[in-house]
Amino acid sequence: MGRLIRVPLRPGSEPWLSKRQIAAHFGFSTRWVELRVRDGMPSQMIGGHRKFRATECKEWLLERSEV
């Protein structure tokens, strides 16, 4: 068996997350993510799949909150 070695990301880089991963990150459903994308939540199409960066989405959500 091989051993998994986690390599840290380069400083300033952030992984792209899938719709399921970003939903889990915020504690909502994938449907909630789909609705936020319709509202303009930042994302990119990469290889035919929509991907998200958590910090960009968080900033976008905070700008729209009424707190």
Protein backbone atom coordinates (compact mmCIF):
# COMPACT_ATOMS: atom_id res chain seq x y z
CA MET A 1 0.00 0.00 0.00
CA GLY A 2 1.10 3.53 -0.79
CA ARG A 3 1.15 6.38 1.63
CA LEU A 4 -0.78 9.59 1.09
CA ILE A 5 1.35 12.65 1.62
CA ARG A 6 -0.49 15.97 1.69
CA VAL A 7 1.43 18.72 -0.05
CA PRO A 8 0.60 22.24 1.09
CA LEU A 9 -0.76 24.64 -1.49
CA ARG A 10 1.42 27.42 -2.75
CA PRO A 11 0.89 30.60 -0.77
CA GLY A 12 -1.93 32.59 -2.31
CA SER A 13 -3.50 29.64 -4.08
CA GLU A 14 -6.86 28.19 -3.16
CA PRO A 15 -8.40 24.95 -4.41
CA TRP A 16 -11.41 24.92 -6.71
CA LEU A 17 -14.42 23.25 -5.08
CA SER A 18 -17.27 21.36 -6.71
CA LYS A 19 -20.91 22.31 -6.21
CA ARG A 20 -21.24 19.54 -3.61
CA GLN A 21 -18.10 20.67 -1.78
CA ILE A 22 -19.09 24.34 -1.65
CA ALA A 23 -22.58 23.36 -0.44
CA ALA A 24 -21.03 21.30 2.37
CA HIS A 25 -18.61 24.13 3.18
CA PHE A 26 -21.50 26.52 3.83
CA GLY A 27 -23.85 23.89 5.27
CA PHE A 28 -26.50 24.15 2.55
CA SER A 29 -27.87 21.96 -0.22
CA THR A 30 -26.62 21.83 -3.79
CA ARG A 31 -29.94 23.37 -4.80
CA TRP A 32 -29.11 26.39 -2.62
CA VAL A 33 -25.80 26.69 -4.50
CA GLU A 34 -27.60 26.52 -7.86
CA LEU A 35 -29.92 29.34 -6.78
CA ARG A 36 -26.97 31.48 -5.61
CA VAL A 37 -25.22 30.91 -8.96
CA ARG A 38 -28.35 32.29 -10.66
CA ASP A 39 -28.03 35.32 -8.38
CA GLY A 40 -24.42 35.82 -9.50
CA MET A 41 -22.29 33.91 -6.98
CA PRO A 42 -18.76 33.73 -8.44
CA SER A 43 -17.79 30.49 -10.17
CA GLN A 44 -15.91 29.21 -13.19
CA MET A 45 -16.62 26.47 -15.70
CA ILE A 46 -13.57 24.19 -15.70
CA GLY A 47 -13.59 21.08 -17.85
CA GLY A 48 -17.36 21.29 -18.24
CA HIS A 49 -17.96 21.47 -14.47
CA ARG A 50 -18.80 24.52 -12.38
CA LYS A 51 -16.13 25.21 -9.74
CA PHE A 52 -16.02 27.61 -6.81
CA ARG A 53 -13.46 29.26 -4.54
CA ALA A 54 -14.69 29.43 -0.95
CA THR A 55 -13.21 32.86 -0.15
CA GLU A 56 -14.74 34.46 -3.27
CA CYS A 57 -18.14 32.99 -2.47
CA LYS A 58 -17.93 34.03 1.18
CA GLU A 59 -17.08 37.62 0.23
CA TRP A 60 -19.93 37.66 -2.28
CA LEU A 61 -22.38 36.36 0.34
CA LEU A 62 -21.21 38.87 2.95
CA GLU A 63 -21.70 41.76 0.52
CA ARG A 64 -25.33 40.71 0.14
CA SER A 65 -26.09 40.03 3.79
CA GLU A 66 -28.19 42.42 5.80
CA VAL A 67 -26.15 42.07 8.97
